[in-house]
Amino acid sequence: MSTVHSNPPTERFELRFQSLFDEGRGLAFDCDAGGQVNIDALSERARSNYFYARTVIGREFAMPRVEPRIVH
């Protein structure tokens, strides 16, 4: 009889900016458990979106939330 061992899922986090006007719209960025985004690891487009989302908090996006993202 053999036992199959699988690696436990790795917990990762994302910083999620939810649109104030369109429930299905938002932006999410990989981050640590404290919500810190590694800006140097972002592509130029993602970096631009990240700075934009931060700039329009309260006008277009809600305050960002740190949410766990399970990766198998």
N, C-alpha and C. Protein backbone atom coordinates (compact mmCIF):
# COMPACT_ATOMS: atom_id res chain seq x y z
N MET A 1 0.84 -1.16 0.00
CA MET A 1 0.00 0.00 0.00
C MET A 1 0.90 1.23 0.00
N SER A 2 0.61 2.15 -0.88
CA SER A 2 1.41 3.36 -0.93
C SER A 2 0.55 4.57 -0.56
N THR A 3 1.22 5.53 0.02
CA THR A 3 0.55 6.76 0.42
C THR A 3 1.03 7.89 -0.48
N VAL A 4 0.11 8.65 -0.97
CA VAL A 4 0.47 9.79 -1.80
C VAL A 4 0.59 11.00 -0.89
N HIS A 5 1.75 11.62 -0.94
CA HIS A 5 1.98 12.83 -0.15
C HIS A 5 1.93 14.01 -1.10
N SER A 6 1.14 14.96 -0.75
CA SER A 6 1.11 16.17 -1.57
C SER A 6 1.59 17.34 -0.72
N ASN A 7 2.16 18.30 -1.38
CA ASN A 7 2.62 19.48 -0.67
C ASN A 7 1.41 20.29 -0.23
N PRO A 8 1.43 20.81 0.99
CA PRO A 8 0.31 21.64 1.42
C PRO A 8 0.26 22.91 0.58
N PRO A 9 -0.94 23.46 0.41
CA PRO A 9 -1.01 24.70 -0.37
C PRO A 9 -0.21 25.81 0.28
N THR A 10 0.37 26.66 -0.53
CA THR A 10 1.14 27.80 -0.05
C THR A 10 0.21 28.99 0.05
N GLU A 11 0.24 29.66 1.18
CA GLU A 11 -0.61 30.82 1.33
C GLU A 11 0.14 32.06 0.85
N ARG A 12 -0.50 32.77 -0.04
CA ARG A 12 0.01 34.04 -0.53
C ARG A 12 -1.05 35.09 -0.29
N PHE A 13 -0.68 36.32 -0.48
CA PHE A 13 -1.60 37.41 -0.23
C PHE A 13 -1.65 38.35 -1.42
N GLU A 14 -2.76 39.05 -1.53
CA GLU A 14 -2.88 40.08 -2.54
C GLU A 14 -3.54 41.30 -1.94
N LEU A 15 -3.13 42.44 -2.42
CA LEU A 15 -3.72 43.70 -2.01
C LEU A 15 -4.77 44.02 -3.07
N ARG A 16 -6.04 44.07 -2.64
CA ARG A 16 -7.15 44.23 -3.57
C ARG A 16 -7.80 45.60 -3.42
N PHE A 17 -7.88 46.31 -4.54
CA PHE A 17 -8.57 47.59 -4.63
C PHE A 17 -9.89 47.34 -5.35
N GLN A 18 -11.01 47.46 -4.65
CA GLN A 18 -12.33 47.22 -5.23
C GLN A 18 -12.93 48.52 -5.72
N SER A 19 -13.51 48.51 -6.93
CA SER A 19 -14.16 49.69 -7.48
C SER A 19 -15.33 50.12 -6.60
N LEU A 20 -15.49 51.40 -6.44
CA LEU A 20 -16.63 51.93 -5.69
C LEU A 20 -17.91 51.93 -6.52
N PHE A 21 -17.78 51.83 -7.84
CA PHE A 21 -18.93 51.98 -8.73
C PHE A 21 -19.30 50.72 -9.49
N ASP A 22 -18.37 49.82 -9.68
CA ASP A 22 -18.62 48.60 -10.46
C ASP A 22 -18.13 47.42 -9.64
N GLU A 23 -19.08 46.67 -9.08
CA GLU A 23 -18.74 45.58 -8.17
C GLU A 23 -17.77 44.57 -8.76
N GLY A 24 -17.84 44.34 -10.05
CA GLY A 24 -16.97 43.37 -10.68
C GLY A 24 -15.60 43.90 -11.07
N ARG A 25 -15.35 45.16 -10.84
CA ARG A 25 -14.09 45.77 -11.26
C ARG A 25 -13.18 46.00 -10.06
N GLY A 26 -11.93 45.80 -10.26
CA GLY A 26 -10.95 46.04 -9.21
C GLY A 26 -9.56 45.73 -9.70
N LEU A 27 -8.60 46.00 -8.87
CA LEU A 27 -7.20 45.69 -9.17
C LEU A 27 -6.63 44.94 -7.98
N ALA A 28 -5.74 43.99 -8.27
CA ALA A 28 -5.11 43.21 -7.20
C ALA A 28 -3.63 43.05 -7.51
N PHE A 29 -2.83 43.10 -6.45
CA PHE A 29 -1.38 43.02 -6.57
C PHE A 29 -0.84 42.07 -5.51
N ASP A 30 0.13 41.23 -5.88
CA ASP A 30 0.78 40.36 -4.90
C ASP A 30 1.38 41.21 -3.80
N CYS A 31 1.26 40.73 -2.56
CA CYS A 31 1.82 41.47 -1.42
C CYS A 31 2.17 40.48 -0.32
N ASP A 32 2.74 40.99 0.77
CA ASP A 32 2.99 40.16 1.94
C ASP A 32 1.78 40.24 2.86
N ALA A 33 1.85 39.56 3.98
CA ALA A 33 0.72 39.51 4.92
C ALA A 33 0.37 40.90 5.46
N GLY A 34 1.31 41.82 5.44
CA GLY A 34 1.08 43.17 5.93
C GLY A 34 0.59 44.13 4.87
N GLY A 35 0.43 43.64 3.63
CA GLY A 35 -0.06 44.48 2.55
C GLY A 35 1.02 45.23 1.79
N GLN A 36 2.29 44.90 2.04
CA GLN A 36 3.40 45.57 1.35
C GLN A 36 3.60 44.95 -0.03
N VAL A 37 3.54 45.77 -1.06
CA VAL A 37 3.72 45.33 -2.44
C VAL A 37 5.18 45.57 -2.83
N ASN A 38 5.80 44.57 -3.45
CA ASN A 38 7.17 44.73 -3.95
C ASN A 38 7.08 45.44 -5.30
N ILE A 39 7.19 46.74 -5.28
CA ILE A 39 7.01 47.55 -6.47
C ILE A 39 8.04 47.19 -7.54
N ASP A 40 9.25 46.85 -7.13
CA ASP A 40 10.30 46.50 -8.09
C ASP A 40 9.98 45.23 -8.86
N ALA A 41 9.12 44.37 -8.31
CA ALA A 41 8.76 43.12 -8.98
C ALA A 41 7.61 43.30 -9.96
N LEU A 42 6.96 44.45 -9.95
CA LEU A 42 5.82 44.68 -10.84
C LEU A 42 6.30 45.07 -12.23
N SER A 43 5.50 44.70 -13.24
CA SER A 43 5.77 45.18 -14.59
C SER A 43 5.49 46.68 -14.62
N GLU A 44 5.91 47.32 -15.68
CA GLU A 44 5.68 48.77 -15.80
C GLU A 44 4.18 49.08 -15.78
N ARG A 45 3.39 48.28 -16.47
CA ARG A 45 1.94 48.50 -16.51
C ARG A 45 1.32 48.28 -15.13
N ALA A 46 1.71 47.19 -14.46
CA ALA A 46 1.18 46.91 -13.12
C ALA A 46 1.58 48.01 -12.14
N ARG A 47 2.81 48.50 -12.25
CA ARG A 47 3.28 49.57 -11.37
C ARG A 47 2.44 50.84 -11.59
N SER A 48 2.15 51.14 -12.84
CA SER A 48 1.33 52.30 -13.15
C SER A 48 -0.09 52.13 -12.59
N ASN A 49 -0.66 50.94 -12.74
CA ASN A 49 -1.99 50.67 -12.19
C ASN A 49 -2.00 50.75 -10.67
N TYR A 50 -0.94 50.26 -10.04
CA TYR A 50 -0.84 50.30 -8.58
C TYR A 50 -0.82 51.74 -8.08
N PHE A 51 0.01 52.58 -8.68
CA PHE A 51 0.08 53.98 -8.26
C PHE A 51 -1.24 54.71 -8.55
N TYR A 52 -1.87 54.38 -9.67
CA TYR A 52 -3.16 54.99 -9.99
C TYR A 52 -4.20 54.61 -8.93
N ALA A 53 -4.29 53.32 -8.61
CA ALA A 53 -5.28 52.86 -7.62
C ALA A 53 -5.06 53.55 -6.28
N ARG A 54 -3.81 53.68 -5.87
CA ARG A 54 -3.54 54.37 -4.60
C ARG A 54 -3.96 55.83 -4.65
N THR A 55 -3.80 56.45 -5.79
CA THR A 55 -4.11 57.88 -5.94
C THR A 55 -5.62 58.15 -5.85
N VAL A 56 -6.43 57.22 -6.34
CA VAL A 56 -7.88 57.48 -6.42
C VAL A 56 -8.69 56.73 -5.35
N ILE A 57 -8.04 56.34 -4.25
CA ILE A 57 -8.76 55.73 -3.13
C ILE A 57 -9.78 56.75 -2.62
N GLY A 58 -10.99 56.29 -2.46
CA GLY A 58 -12.06 57.16 -1.99
C GLY A 58 -12.81 57.87 -3.10
N ARG A 59 -12.23 57.89 -4.28
CA ARG A 59 -12.90 58.51 -5.43
C ARG A 59 -13.31 57.47 -6.46
N GLU A 60 -12.47 56.48 -6.68
CA GLU A 60 -12.79 55.43 -7.64
C GLU A 60 -12.69 54.04 -7.02
N PHE A 61 -11.74 53.87 -6.11
CA PHE A 61 -11.53 52.58 -5.44
C PHE A 61 -11.70 52.72 -3.93
N ALA A 62 -12.19 51.65 -3.31
CA ALA A 62 -12.28 51.59 -1.85
C ALA A 62 -10.89 51.41 -1.27
N MET A 63 -10.78 51.59 0.05
CA MET A 63 -9.51 51.31 0.73
C MET A 63 -9.11 49.87 0.40
N PRO A 64 -7.85 49.63 0.09
CA PRO A 64 -7.45 48.27 -0.27
C PRO A 64 -7.51 47.32 0.92
N ARG A 65 -7.74 46.06 0.60
CA ARG A 65 -7.78 45.00 1.61
C ARG A 65 -6.73 43.96 1.27
N VAL A 66 -6.12 43.40 2.30
CA VAL A 66 -5.21 42.27 2.12
C VAL A 66 -6.05 41.01 2.20
N GLU A 67 -5.97 40.18 1.18
CA GLU A 67 -6.75 38.95 1.15
C GLU A 67 -5.82 37.78 0.87
N PRO A 68 -6.05 36.65 1.53
CA PRO A 68 -5.23 35.47 1.25
C PRO A 68 -5.59 34.92 -0.13
N ARG A 69 -4.59 34.39 -0.79
CA ARG A 69 -4.78 33.74 -2.09
C ARG A 69 -4.08 32.39 -2.00
N ILE A 70 -4.84 31.33 -2.08
CA ILE A 70 -4.28 29.98 -1.95
C ILE A 70 -3.73 29.54 -3.31
N VAL A 71 -2.48 29.11 -3.32
CA VAL A 71 -1.82 28.63 -4.52
C VAL A 71 -1.49 27.16 -4.29
N HIS A 72 -1.92 26.32 -5.21
CA HIS A 72 -1.64 24.87 -5.08
C HIS A 72 -0.42 24.51 -5.86
